[in-house]
N, C-alpha and C. Protein backbone atom coordinates (compact mmCIF):
# COMPACT_ATOMS: atom_id res chain seq x y z
N MET A 1 95.49 59.80 118.11
CA MET A 1 95.50 61.28 118.13
C MET A 1 96.39 61.80 117.01
N SER A 2 95.93 62.75 116.29
CA SER A 2 96.74 63.35 115.21
C SER A 2 97.84 64.18 115.81
N SER A 3 98.98 64.22 115.12
CA SER A 3 100.12 64.97 115.65
C SER A 3 99.88 66.47 115.64
N SER A 4 98.88 66.94 114.90
CA SER A 4 98.60 68.37 114.83
C SER A 4 97.51 68.80 115.79
N VAL A 5 96.96 67.84 116.56
CA VAL A 5 95.88 68.14 117.48
C VAL A 5 96.44 68.58 118.82
N ASP A 6 95.89 69.66 119.35
CA ASP A 6 96.34 70.12 120.65
C ASP A 6 95.93 69.11 121.71
N PHE A 7 96.86 68.81 122.65
CA PHE A 7 96.54 67.80 123.65
C PHE A 7 96.32 68.43 125.02
N SER A 8 95.50 69.48 125.06
CA SER A 8 95.21 70.15 126.32
C SER A 8 94.54 69.21 127.31
N LYS A 9 93.92 68.14 126.80
CA LYS A 9 93.32 67.13 127.66
C LYS A 9 94.11 65.83 127.48
N GLY A 10 94.62 65.34 128.58
CA GLY A 10 95.39 64.09 128.50
C GLY A 10 96.78 64.29 127.94
N LEU A 11 97.55 65.20 128.53
CA LEU A 11 98.92 65.48 128.07
C LEU A 11 99.82 64.29 128.32
N PRO A 12 100.52 63.79 127.31
CA PRO A 12 101.47 62.70 127.52
C PRO A 12 102.59 63.15 128.44
N SER A 13 103.16 62.22 129.19
CA SER A 13 104.22 62.59 130.12
C SER A 13 105.47 63.06 129.40
N HIS A 14 105.67 62.56 128.17
CA HIS A 14 106.81 62.98 127.35
C HIS A 14 106.29 63.33 125.96
N PRO A 15 105.70 64.50 125.80
CA PRO A 15 105.11 64.87 124.51
C PRO A 15 106.13 64.94 123.38
N GLU A 16 107.39 65.19 123.72
CA GLU A 16 108.41 65.30 122.69
C GLU A 16 108.72 63.95 122.05
N LYS A 17 108.34 62.85 122.73
CA LYS A 17 108.59 61.52 122.20
C LYS A 17 107.31 60.71 122.03
N ALA A 18 106.17 61.39 122.01
CA ALA A 18 104.88 60.70 121.97
C ALA A 18 104.54 60.16 120.58
N THR A 19 105.26 60.60 119.56
CA THR A 19 105.01 60.14 118.20
C THR A 19 106.29 59.57 117.61
N LEU A 20 106.14 58.78 116.54
CA LEU A 20 107.32 58.24 115.87
C LEU A 20 108.18 59.37 115.31
N GLU A 21 107.54 60.40 114.80
CA GLU A 21 108.28 61.55 114.28
C GLU A 21 109.13 62.19 115.37
N GLY A 22 108.55 62.32 116.56
CA GLY A 22 109.29 62.91 117.67
C GLY A 22 110.48 62.05 118.08
N LYS A 23 110.26 60.73 118.12
CA LYS A 23 111.35 59.82 118.47
C LYS A 23 112.47 59.87 117.44
N ASN A 24 112.10 59.96 116.18
CA ASN A 24 113.11 60.03 115.11
C ASN A 24 113.90 61.33 115.19
N LYS A 25 113.23 62.44 115.50
CA LYS A 25 113.93 63.72 115.67
C LYS A 25 114.94 63.61 116.81
N PHE A 26 114.51 63.00 117.90
CA PHE A 26 115.37 62.86 119.07
C PHE A 26 116.60 62.01 118.74
N LEU A 27 116.39 60.88 118.07
CA LEU A 27 117.49 60.00 117.70
C LEU A 27 118.44 60.68 116.71
N GLY A 28 117.86 61.29 115.68
CA GLY A 28 118.68 61.98 114.69
C GLY A 28 119.50 63.10 115.29
N PHE A 29 118.93 63.77 116.28
CA PHE A 29 119.65 64.88 116.90
C PHE A 29 120.89 64.39 117.65
N TRP A 30 120.78 63.22 118.32
CA TRP A 30 121.93 62.70 119.05
C TRP A 30 123.04 62.28 118.10
N VAL A 31 122.66 61.77 116.93
CA VAL A 31 123.66 61.45 115.91
C VAL A 31 124.36 62.73 115.45
N PHE A 32 123.58 63.77 115.25
CA PHE A 32 124.13 65.08 114.86
C PHE A 32 125.08 65.60 115.93
N LEU A 33 124.69 65.48 117.20
CA LEU A 33 125.55 65.97 118.29
C LEU A 33 126.87 65.20 118.36
N GLY A 34 126.83 63.91 117.98
CA GLY A 34 128.06 63.14 117.96
C GLY A 34 129.07 63.74 117.00
N GLY A 35 128.61 64.14 115.82
CA GLY A 35 129.48 64.79 114.85
C GLY A 35 129.97 66.14 115.33
N GLU A 36 129.09 66.89 115.97
CA GLU A 36 129.47 68.20 116.51
C GLU A 36 130.53 68.06 117.60
N THR A 37 130.37 67.06 118.43
CA THR A 37 131.33 66.83 119.51
C THR A 37 132.72 66.53 118.96
N ILE A 38 132.78 65.69 117.95
CA ILE A 38 134.06 65.36 117.33
C ILE A 38 134.70 66.61 116.72
N MET A 39 133.87 67.43 116.07
CA MET A 39 134.39 68.65 115.46
C MET A 39 134.99 69.58 116.51
N PHE A 40 134.27 69.81 117.60
CA PHE A 40 134.78 70.69 118.64
C PHE A 40 136.02 70.10 119.32
N ALA A 41 136.05 68.77 119.49
CA ALA A 41 137.22 68.14 120.08
C ALA A 41 138.46 68.39 119.23
N THR A 42 138.27 68.37 117.92
CA THR A 42 139.38 68.65 117.00
C THR A 42 139.90 70.08 117.17
N PHE A 43 138.97 71.03 117.29
CA PHE A 43 139.38 72.42 117.45
C PHE A 43 140.00 72.68 118.82
N PHE A 44 139.50 71.99 119.85
CA PHE A 44 140.13 72.10 121.17
C PHE A 44 141.56 71.58 121.13
N GLY A 45 141.74 70.44 120.48
CA GLY A 45 143.08 69.87 120.37
C GLY A 45 144.02 70.80 119.61
N THR A 46 143.52 71.42 118.55
CA THR A 46 144.32 72.36 117.77
C THR A 46 144.72 73.56 118.62
N PHE A 47 143.76 74.07 119.39
CA PHE A 47 144.07 75.23 120.24
C PHE A 47 145.12 74.87 121.28
N LEU A 48 144.97 73.72 121.93
CA LEU A 48 145.94 73.32 122.95
C LEU A 48 147.34 73.15 122.37
N GLY A 49 147.40 72.71 121.11
CA GLY A 49 148.69 72.54 120.48
C GLY A 49 149.34 73.83 120.03
N LEU A 50 148.52 74.88 119.82
CA LEU A 50 149.04 76.13 119.27
C LEU A 50 149.01 77.31 120.25
N ARG A 51 148.48 77.11 121.44
CA ARG A 51 148.26 78.27 122.32
C ARG A 51 149.54 78.92 122.83
N GLU A 52 150.66 78.20 122.74
CA GLU A 52 151.93 78.81 123.14
C GLU A 52 152.59 79.56 122.00
N GLY A 53 152.05 79.43 120.81
CA GLY A 53 152.66 80.09 119.65
C GLY A 53 152.18 81.51 119.47
N THR A 54 152.64 82.40 120.31
CA THR A 54 152.19 83.80 120.27
C THR A 54 152.99 84.66 119.30
N ALA A 55 154.13 84.17 118.83
CA ALA A 55 154.96 84.89 117.84
C ALA A 55 155.27 86.33 118.28
N GLY A 56 155.47 86.51 119.56
CA GLY A 56 155.78 87.84 120.07
C GLY A 56 154.58 88.75 120.22
N GLY A 57 153.40 88.26 119.89
CA GLY A 57 152.18 89.06 120.02
C GLY A 57 151.60 88.95 121.42
N PRO A 58 150.42 89.54 121.63
CA PRO A 58 149.78 89.49 122.96
C PRO A 58 149.51 88.06 123.38
N THR A 59 149.64 87.80 124.67
CA THR A 59 149.39 86.48 125.22
C THR A 59 148.03 86.44 125.92
N ALA A 60 147.59 85.25 126.25
CA ALA A 60 146.31 85.10 126.95
C ALA A 60 146.34 85.81 128.30
N GLU A 61 147.45 85.70 129.01
CA GLU A 61 147.57 86.34 130.32
C GLU A 61 147.44 87.85 130.22
N GLU A 62 147.92 88.42 129.14
CA GLU A 62 147.88 89.87 128.96
C GLU A 62 146.49 90.36 128.55
N LEU A 63 145.71 89.52 127.89
CA LEU A 63 144.45 89.98 127.30
C LEU A 63 143.21 89.55 128.06
N PHE A 64 143.16 88.31 128.49
CA PHE A 64 141.91 87.78 129.03
C PHE A 64 141.50 88.49 130.31
N SER A 65 140.20 88.76 130.40
CA SER A 65 139.63 89.41 131.59
C SER A 65 138.65 88.44 132.24
N LEU A 66 139.00 87.91 133.40
CA LEU A 66 138.16 86.93 134.07
C LEU A 66 136.77 87.49 134.42
N PRO A 67 136.65 88.74 134.92
CA PRO A 67 135.30 89.24 135.23
C PRO A 67 134.38 89.24 134.01
N LEU A 68 134.90 89.66 132.85
CA LEU A 68 134.08 89.68 131.64
C LEU A 68 133.66 88.27 131.25
N VAL A 69 134.60 87.34 131.27
CA VAL A 69 134.30 85.97 130.89
C VAL A 69 133.34 85.34 131.89
N PHE A 70 133.46 85.71 133.16
CA PHE A 70 132.55 85.19 134.19
C PHE A 70 131.12 85.65 133.92
N ILE A 71 130.97 86.92 133.57
CA ILE A 71 129.64 87.45 133.24
C ILE A 71 129.06 86.71 132.05
N MET A 72 129.87 86.50 131.03
CA MET A 72 129.42 85.76 129.85
C MET A 72 128.97 84.35 130.23
N THR A 73 129.74 83.72 131.11
CA THR A 73 129.42 82.35 131.54
C THR A 73 128.11 82.32 132.30
N MET A 74 127.90 83.26 133.19
CA MET A 74 126.66 83.31 133.95
C MET A 74 125.45 83.54 133.05
N LEU A 75 125.62 84.39 132.05
CA LEU A 75 124.53 84.63 131.11
C LEU A 75 124.14 83.35 130.39
N LEU A 76 125.13 82.62 129.92
CA LEU A 76 124.84 81.41 129.15
C LEU A 76 124.29 80.30 130.04
N LEU A 77 124.83 80.15 131.24
CA LEU A 77 124.32 79.12 132.15
C LEU A 77 122.90 79.44 132.60
N THR A 78 122.62 80.71 132.82
CA THR A 78 121.26 81.10 133.20
C THR A 78 120.29 80.84 132.05
N SER A 79 120.74 81.07 130.83
CA SER A 79 119.88 80.80 129.67
C SER A 79 119.59 79.30 129.56
N SER A 80 120.53 78.47 129.98
CA SER A 80 120.30 77.03 129.97
C SER A 80 119.24 76.67 130.99
N LEU A 81 119.26 77.35 132.15
CA LEU A 81 118.26 77.11 133.18
C LEU A 81 116.88 77.51 132.69
N THR A 82 116.76 78.67 132.07
CA THR A 82 115.44 79.11 131.57
C THR A 82 114.93 78.17 130.48
N SER A 83 115.86 77.58 129.73
CA SER A 83 115.47 76.61 128.72
C SER A 83 114.90 75.35 129.37
N VAL A 84 115.52 74.91 130.46
CA VAL A 84 115.02 73.74 131.20
C VAL A 84 113.62 74.03 131.75
N LEU A 85 113.46 75.21 132.34
CA LEU A 85 112.16 75.58 132.88
C LEU A 85 111.09 75.67 131.79
N ALA A 86 111.50 76.09 130.61
CA ALA A 86 110.58 76.15 129.48
C ALA A 86 110.08 74.75 129.12
N MET A 87 110.97 73.77 129.17
CA MET A 87 110.57 72.41 128.86
C MET A 87 109.65 71.83 129.93
N PHE A 88 109.85 72.22 131.18
CA PHE A 88 108.92 71.82 132.24
C PHE A 88 107.53 72.40 131.97
N SER A 89 107.51 73.66 131.54
CA SER A 89 106.24 74.30 131.21
C SER A 89 105.57 73.61 130.04
N MET A 90 106.37 73.20 129.07
CA MET A 90 105.81 72.49 127.92
C MET A 90 105.14 71.20 128.36
N LYS A 91 105.79 70.45 129.25
CA LYS A 91 105.22 69.18 129.70
C LYS A 91 103.98 69.37 130.56
N LYS A 92 103.83 70.58 131.12
CA LYS A 92 102.62 70.91 131.87
C LYS A 92 101.56 71.55 130.99
N ASN A 93 101.85 71.60 129.69
CA ASN A 93 100.95 72.19 128.70
C ASN A 93 100.69 73.68 128.96
N ASN A 94 101.69 74.37 129.51
CA ASN A 94 101.58 75.81 129.77
C ASN A 94 102.30 76.54 128.63
N HIS A 95 101.58 76.78 127.56
CA HIS A 95 102.16 77.34 126.34
C HIS A 95 102.73 78.73 126.58
N LYS A 96 101.99 79.57 127.28
CA LYS A 96 102.43 80.96 127.51
C LYS A 96 103.72 80.99 128.31
N SER A 97 103.78 80.20 129.39
CA SER A 97 104.99 80.17 130.22
C SER A 97 106.18 79.67 129.42
N MET A 98 105.95 78.65 128.60
CA MET A 98 107.04 78.12 127.78
C MET A 98 107.59 79.18 126.85
N LEU A 99 106.70 79.91 126.18
CA LEU A 99 107.15 80.94 125.24
C LEU A 99 107.92 82.05 125.95
N VAL A 100 107.42 82.47 127.11
CA VAL A 100 108.09 83.54 127.87
C VAL A 100 109.50 83.10 128.26
N LEU A 101 109.62 81.88 128.74
CA LEU A 101 110.93 81.37 129.17
C LEU A 101 111.87 81.20 127.98
N MET A 102 111.34 80.79 126.84
CA MET A 102 112.19 80.67 125.66
C MET A 102 112.64 82.05 125.16
N ILE A 103 111.77 83.04 125.29
CA ILE A 103 112.14 84.41 124.92
C ILE A 103 113.26 84.91 125.83
N VAL A 104 113.14 84.62 127.13
CA VAL A 104 114.20 85.00 128.08
C VAL A 104 115.51 84.30 127.71
N THR A 105 115.40 83.04 127.31
CA THR A 105 116.58 82.29 126.87
C THR A 105 117.27 82.99 125.69
N VAL A 106 116.47 83.43 124.74
CA VAL A 106 117.00 84.13 123.57
C VAL A 106 117.67 85.44 123.98
N LEU A 107 117.04 86.18 124.87
CA LEU A 107 117.60 87.46 125.30
C LEU A 107 118.93 87.27 126.02
N LEU A 108 119.00 86.28 126.87
CA LEU A 108 120.26 86.00 127.58
C LEU A 108 121.34 85.55 126.60
N GLY A 109 120.96 84.72 125.64
CA GLY A 109 121.92 84.28 124.63
C GLY A 109 122.41 85.43 123.77
N ALA A 110 121.51 86.35 123.44
CA ALA A 110 121.89 87.52 122.64
C ALA A 110 122.84 88.42 123.43
N ALA A 111 122.61 88.54 124.74
CA ALA A 111 123.51 89.34 125.59
C ALA A 111 124.89 88.71 125.62
N PHE A 112 124.94 87.39 125.74
CA PHE A 112 126.22 86.67 125.70
C PHE A 112 126.94 86.95 124.39
N LEU A 113 126.23 86.86 123.29
CA LEU A 113 126.85 87.08 121.98
C LEU A 113 127.36 88.51 121.85
N GLY A 114 126.61 89.46 122.41
CA GLY A 114 127.05 90.85 122.38
C GLY A 114 128.36 91.04 123.13
N PHE A 115 128.48 90.40 124.29
CA PHE A 115 129.73 90.48 125.06
C PHE A 115 130.88 89.82 124.31
N GLU A 116 130.58 88.72 123.62
CA GLU A 116 131.64 88.05 122.87
C GLU A 116 132.15 88.91 121.73
N ILE A 117 131.25 89.58 121.04
CA ILE A 117 131.66 90.50 119.97
C ILE A 117 132.51 91.64 120.55
N TYR A 118 132.06 92.18 121.68
CA TYR A 118 132.82 93.24 122.36
C TYR A 118 134.21 92.74 122.73
N GLU A 119 134.28 91.52 123.23
CA GLU A 119 135.56 90.92 123.61
C GLU A 119 136.50 90.84 122.41
N PHE A 120 136.01 90.35 121.29
CA PHE A 120 136.84 90.23 120.10
C PHE A 120 137.33 91.59 119.62
N VAL A 121 136.45 92.57 119.64
CA VAL A 121 136.84 93.93 119.21
C VAL A 121 137.95 94.47 120.10
N GLU A 122 137.84 94.24 121.40
CA GLU A 122 138.86 94.71 122.34
C GLU A 122 140.20 94.02 122.07
N TYR A 123 140.17 92.73 121.80
CA TYR A 123 141.41 92.01 121.55
C TYR A 123 142.09 92.51 120.28
N VAL A 124 141.29 92.75 119.26
CA VAL A 124 141.86 93.29 118.02
C VAL A 124 142.46 94.67 118.27
N HIS A 125 141.78 95.46 119.08
CA HIS A 125 142.28 96.80 119.42
C HIS A 125 143.62 96.72 120.15
N HIS A 126 143.81 95.65 120.91
CA HIS A 126 145.06 95.47 121.65
C HIS A 126 146.09 94.66 120.87
N GLY A 127 145.86 94.48 119.58
CA GLY A 127 146.89 93.88 118.73
C GLY A 127 146.76 92.40 118.45
N LEU A 128 145.64 91.78 118.84
CA LEU A 128 145.48 90.35 118.57
C LEU A 128 144.54 90.16 117.38
N GLY A 129 145.10 90.28 116.18
CA GLY A 129 144.33 90.02 114.98
C GLY A 129 144.28 88.53 114.68
N TYR A 130 143.45 88.14 113.75
CA TYR A 130 143.29 86.71 113.46
C TYR A 130 144.59 86.08 112.98
N THR A 131 145.40 86.85 112.24
CA THR A 131 146.65 86.31 111.69
C THR A 131 147.88 86.73 112.48
N THR A 132 147.68 87.29 113.66
CA THR A 132 148.81 87.75 114.47
C THR A 132 149.73 86.60 114.86
N SER A 133 149.14 85.48 115.23
CA SER A 133 149.94 84.33 115.68
C SER A 133 149.09 83.07 115.57
N ALA A 134 149.75 81.93 115.80
CA ALA A 134 149.03 80.65 115.81
C ALA A 134 148.02 80.64 116.96
N PHE A 135 148.42 81.21 118.09
CA PHE A 135 147.51 81.31 119.23
C PHE A 135 146.26 82.10 118.86
N ALA A 136 146.44 83.23 118.21
CA ALA A 136 145.31 84.08 117.83
C ALA A 136 144.37 83.35 116.88
N SER A 137 144.93 82.71 115.87
CA SER A 137 144.10 82.02 114.88
C SER A 137 143.30 80.89 115.52
N SER A 138 143.97 80.09 116.37
CA SER A 138 143.27 78.97 116.99
C SER A 138 142.23 79.45 118.00
N PHE A 139 142.53 80.54 118.69
CA PHE A 139 141.58 81.10 119.66
C PHE A 139 140.34 81.62 118.97
N TYR A 140 140.51 82.48 117.97
CA TYR A 140 139.36 83.05 117.27
C TYR A 140 138.54 81.97 116.56
N THR A 141 139.21 80.96 116.03
CA THR A 141 138.49 79.91 115.33
C THR A 141 137.63 79.09 116.29
N LEU A 142 138.20 78.69 117.42
CA LEU A 142 137.47 77.89 118.40
C LEU A 142 136.31 78.68 119.03
N VAL A 143 136.64 79.84 119.57
CA VAL A 143 135.61 80.63 120.26
C VAL A 143 134.61 81.20 119.25
N GLY A 144 135.09 81.58 118.07
CA GLY A 144 134.20 82.08 117.04
C GLY A 144 133.26 80.99 116.53
N LEU A 145 133.75 79.75 116.44
CA LEU A 145 132.88 78.64 116.04
C LEU A 145 131.77 78.45 117.06
N HIS A 146 132.11 78.54 118.32
CA HIS A 146 131.07 78.45 119.35
C HIS A 146 130.08 79.60 119.22
N GLY A 147 130.60 80.81 118.98
CA GLY A 147 129.72 81.96 118.80
C GLY A 147 128.77 81.78 117.63
N ALA A 148 129.25 81.16 116.55
CA ALA A 148 128.39 80.89 115.40
C ALA A 148 127.28 79.91 115.77
N HIS A 149 127.60 78.95 116.62
CA HIS A 149 126.59 78.00 117.09
C HIS A 149 125.56 78.71 117.97
N VAL A 150 126.01 79.64 118.78
CA VAL A 150 125.08 80.42 119.60
C VAL A 150 124.12 81.21 118.70
N LEU A 151 124.67 81.85 117.68
CA LEU A 151 123.84 82.62 116.75
C LEU A 151 122.82 81.72 116.06
N PHE A 152 123.27 80.54 115.61
CA PHE A 152 122.35 79.60 114.97
C PHE A 152 121.25 79.18 115.94
N GLY A 153 121.63 78.90 117.19
CA GLY A 153 120.64 78.52 118.19
C GLY A 153 119.63 79.62 118.45
N LEU A 154 120.09 80.85 118.49
CA LEU A 154 119.18 81.99 118.69
C LEU A 154 118.19 82.09 117.53
N CYS A 155 118.68 81.94 116.32
CA CYS A 155 117.80 82.02 115.15
C CYS A 155 116.80 80.86 115.15
N TRP A 156 117.26 79.69 115.52
CA TRP A 156 116.41 78.50 115.57
C TRP A 156 115.27 78.69 116.57
N ILE A 157 115.61 79.04 117.80
CA ILE A 157 114.60 79.20 118.84
C ILE A 157 113.65 80.35 118.51
N THR A 158 114.19 81.45 118.00
CA THR A 158 113.35 82.59 117.64
C THR A 158 112.34 82.20 116.56
N THR A 159 112.79 81.42 115.58
CA THR A 159 111.88 80.97 114.51
C THR A 159 110.75 80.12 115.09
N LEU A 160 111.08 79.24 116.02
CA LEU A 160 110.05 78.41 116.64
C LEU A 160 109.06 79.25 117.43
N ILE A 161 109.57 80.23 118.16
CA ILE A 161 108.70 81.10 118.95
C ILE A 161 107.71 81.84 118.05
N ILE A 162 108.22 82.40 116.97
CA ILE A 162 107.36 83.15 116.05
C ILE A 162 106.35 82.23 115.36
N ARG A 163 106.82 81.08 114.89
CA ARG A 163 105.96 80.18 114.13
C ARG A 163 104.84 79.59 114.99
N TYR A 164 105.15 79.28 116.26
CA TYR A 164 104.16 78.59 117.09
C TYR A 164 103.67 79.46 118.24
N SER A 165 103.68 80.76 118.06
CA SER A 165 103.27 81.66 119.13
C SER A 165 101.78 81.56 119.44
N ARG A 166 100.98 81.12 118.46
CA ARG A 166 99.53 81.06 118.66
C ARG A 166 98.95 79.65 118.54
N SER A 167 99.75 78.69 118.25
CA SER A 167 99.22 77.36 117.95
C SER A 167 99.01 76.49 119.18
N GLY A 168 99.56 76.89 120.32
CA GLY A 168 99.51 76.03 121.48
C GLY A 168 100.56 74.92 121.35
N ILE A 169 100.63 74.06 122.36
CA ILE A 169 101.59 72.96 122.34
C ILE A 169 100.93 71.76 121.67
N THR A 170 101.58 71.23 120.66
CA THR A 170 101.04 70.08 119.94
C THR A 170 102.09 68.98 119.84
N LEU A 171 101.65 67.82 119.39
CA LEU A 171 102.58 66.72 119.21
C LEU A 171 103.53 66.99 118.04
N THR A 172 103.23 68.00 117.25
CA THR A 172 104.11 68.39 116.14
C THR A 172 105.23 69.31 116.61
N ASN A 173 104.88 70.34 117.40
CA ASN A 173 105.91 71.32 117.77
C ASN A 173 106.65 70.98 119.07
N ALA A 174 106.09 70.11 119.91
CA ALA A 174 106.78 69.76 121.16
C ALA A 174 108.17 69.17 120.90
N PRO A 175 108.32 68.22 119.95
CA PRO A 175 109.67 67.71 119.68
C PRO A 175 110.61 68.78 119.16
N LYS A 176 110.09 69.73 118.41
CA LYS A 176 110.94 70.78 117.85
C LYS A 176 111.49 71.67 118.94
N PHE A 177 110.65 72.07 119.88
CA PHE A 177 111.13 72.88 121.00
C PHE A 177 112.11 72.09 121.87
N TYR A 178 111.81 70.82 122.07
CA TYR A 178 112.66 70.00 122.93
C TYR A 178 114.05 69.82 122.33
N VAL A 179 114.11 69.53 121.04
CA VAL A 179 115.40 69.35 120.37
C VAL A 179 116.19 70.67 120.36
N ALA A 180 115.50 71.79 120.14
CA ALA A 180 116.17 73.09 120.18
C ALA A 180 116.74 73.36 121.57
N SER A 181 116.00 72.96 122.61
CA SER A 181 116.48 73.12 123.98
C SER A 181 117.72 72.27 124.23
N LEU A 182 117.72 71.03 123.73
CA LEU A 182 118.89 70.17 123.87
C LEU A 182 120.11 70.77 123.17
N TYR A 183 119.87 71.33 122.00
CA TYR A 183 120.96 71.98 121.27
C TYR A 183 121.54 73.13 122.10
N TRP A 184 120.67 73.87 122.74
CA TRP A 184 121.13 74.99 123.56
C TRP A 184 121.96 74.51 124.74
N HIS A 185 121.57 73.39 125.34
CA HIS A 185 122.36 72.82 126.43
C HIS A 185 123.74 72.38 125.92
N PHE A 186 123.77 71.83 124.73
CA PHE A 186 125.05 71.42 124.14
C PHE A 186 125.97 72.62 123.99
N ILE A 187 125.44 73.73 123.53
CA ILE A 187 126.22 74.96 123.39
C ILE A 187 126.78 75.39 124.75
N ASP A 188 125.95 75.27 125.79
CA ASP A 188 126.39 75.66 127.13
C ASP A 188 127.52 74.76 127.63
N VAL A 189 127.40 73.46 127.38
CA VAL A 189 128.44 72.52 127.80
C VAL A 189 129.76 72.83 127.11
N ILE A 190 129.69 73.11 125.81
CA ILE A 190 130.90 73.47 125.07
C ILE A 190 131.53 74.73 125.67
N TRP A 191 130.71 75.69 126.05
CA TRP A 191 131.26 76.92 126.64
C TRP A 191 131.96 76.64 127.97
N VAL A 192 131.43 75.72 128.77
CA VAL A 192 132.08 75.38 130.03
C VAL A 192 133.49 74.87 129.76
N PHE A 193 133.64 74.05 128.71
CA PHE A 193 134.97 73.57 128.34
C PHE A 193 135.85 74.72 127.84
N ILE A 194 135.28 75.63 127.06
CA ILE A 194 136.04 76.78 126.58
C ILE A 194 136.48 77.64 127.76
N PHE A 195 135.57 77.88 128.68
CA PHE A 195 135.87 78.69 129.86
C PHE A 195 137.05 78.10 130.63
N THR A 196 137.06 76.77 130.75
CA THR A 196 138.12 76.10 131.51
C THR A 196 139.42 76.00 130.73
N VAL A 197 139.34 75.46 129.53
CA VAL A 197 140.54 75.17 128.74
C VAL A 197 141.19 76.42 128.17
N VAL A 198 140.36 77.35 127.68
CA VAL A 198 140.90 78.54 127.02
C VAL A 198 141.18 79.65 128.03
N TYR A 199 140.19 80.02 128.81
CA TYR A 199 140.32 81.21 129.65
C TYR A 199 141.01 80.94 130.99
N LEU A 200 140.55 79.95 131.75
CA LEU A 200 141.17 79.71 133.06
C LEU A 200 142.63 79.29 132.93
N LEU A 201 142.91 78.37 131.99
CA LEU A 201 144.31 77.97 131.78
C LEU A 201 145.13 79.12 131.23
N GLY A 202 144.50 79.95 130.36
CA GLY A 202 145.22 81.08 129.79
C GLY A 202 145.55 82.14 130.83
N ILE A 203 144.59 82.46 131.67
CA ILE A 203 144.82 83.47 132.71
C ILE A 203 145.81 82.95 133.74
N GLY A 204 145.73 81.65 134.02
CA GLY A 204 146.63 81.06 135.01
C GLY A 204 148.02 80.81 134.48
N GLY A 205 148.18 80.96 133.16
CA GLY A 205 149.49 80.75 132.55
C GLY A 205 149.92 79.31 132.52
N ALA A 206 148.93 78.39 132.65
CA ALA A 206 149.27 76.96 132.67
C ALA A 206 149.56 76.44 131.28
């Protein structure tokens, strides 16, 4: 079967890995995630080492709002769920359902990003600029890096939706959607660590 042929009849159980190209994308992506994980671990370590260095500026306890961060967390976790459901639809060869769920994923991710921008603006308004203290610099760098990954993921998924909106599910685009979904889950996992290490510890004063 050609990789560009629609497989509406006889759908493979794992279309994302049904071709050598798909398997290579999957393998290459895990290598990429290994590098990303090391990068984020470095920034987490930097933040933990500098979070007490407020230099007389605003502290995490004074600024962080748990209700806002909780809403952001729920938005991102829900977007991860819709991404999972989209992949189930893909494996059932339900192209329309997959696209709808991926669109919902994008909308939820965009809402999360909007709240994050609002959060940063509020912190700056309350005196926490990027150069205010070591805590501020490490916080904005870590959380901002995650936000940049969210933005990249939104652009990636949106591009796939637009490009393959009419083509149906094929052995060519199934691996692309699957890898994009894995990337989105990675972003969600990183946020869970940020939520715990940055916000919960910061609000708790630990």
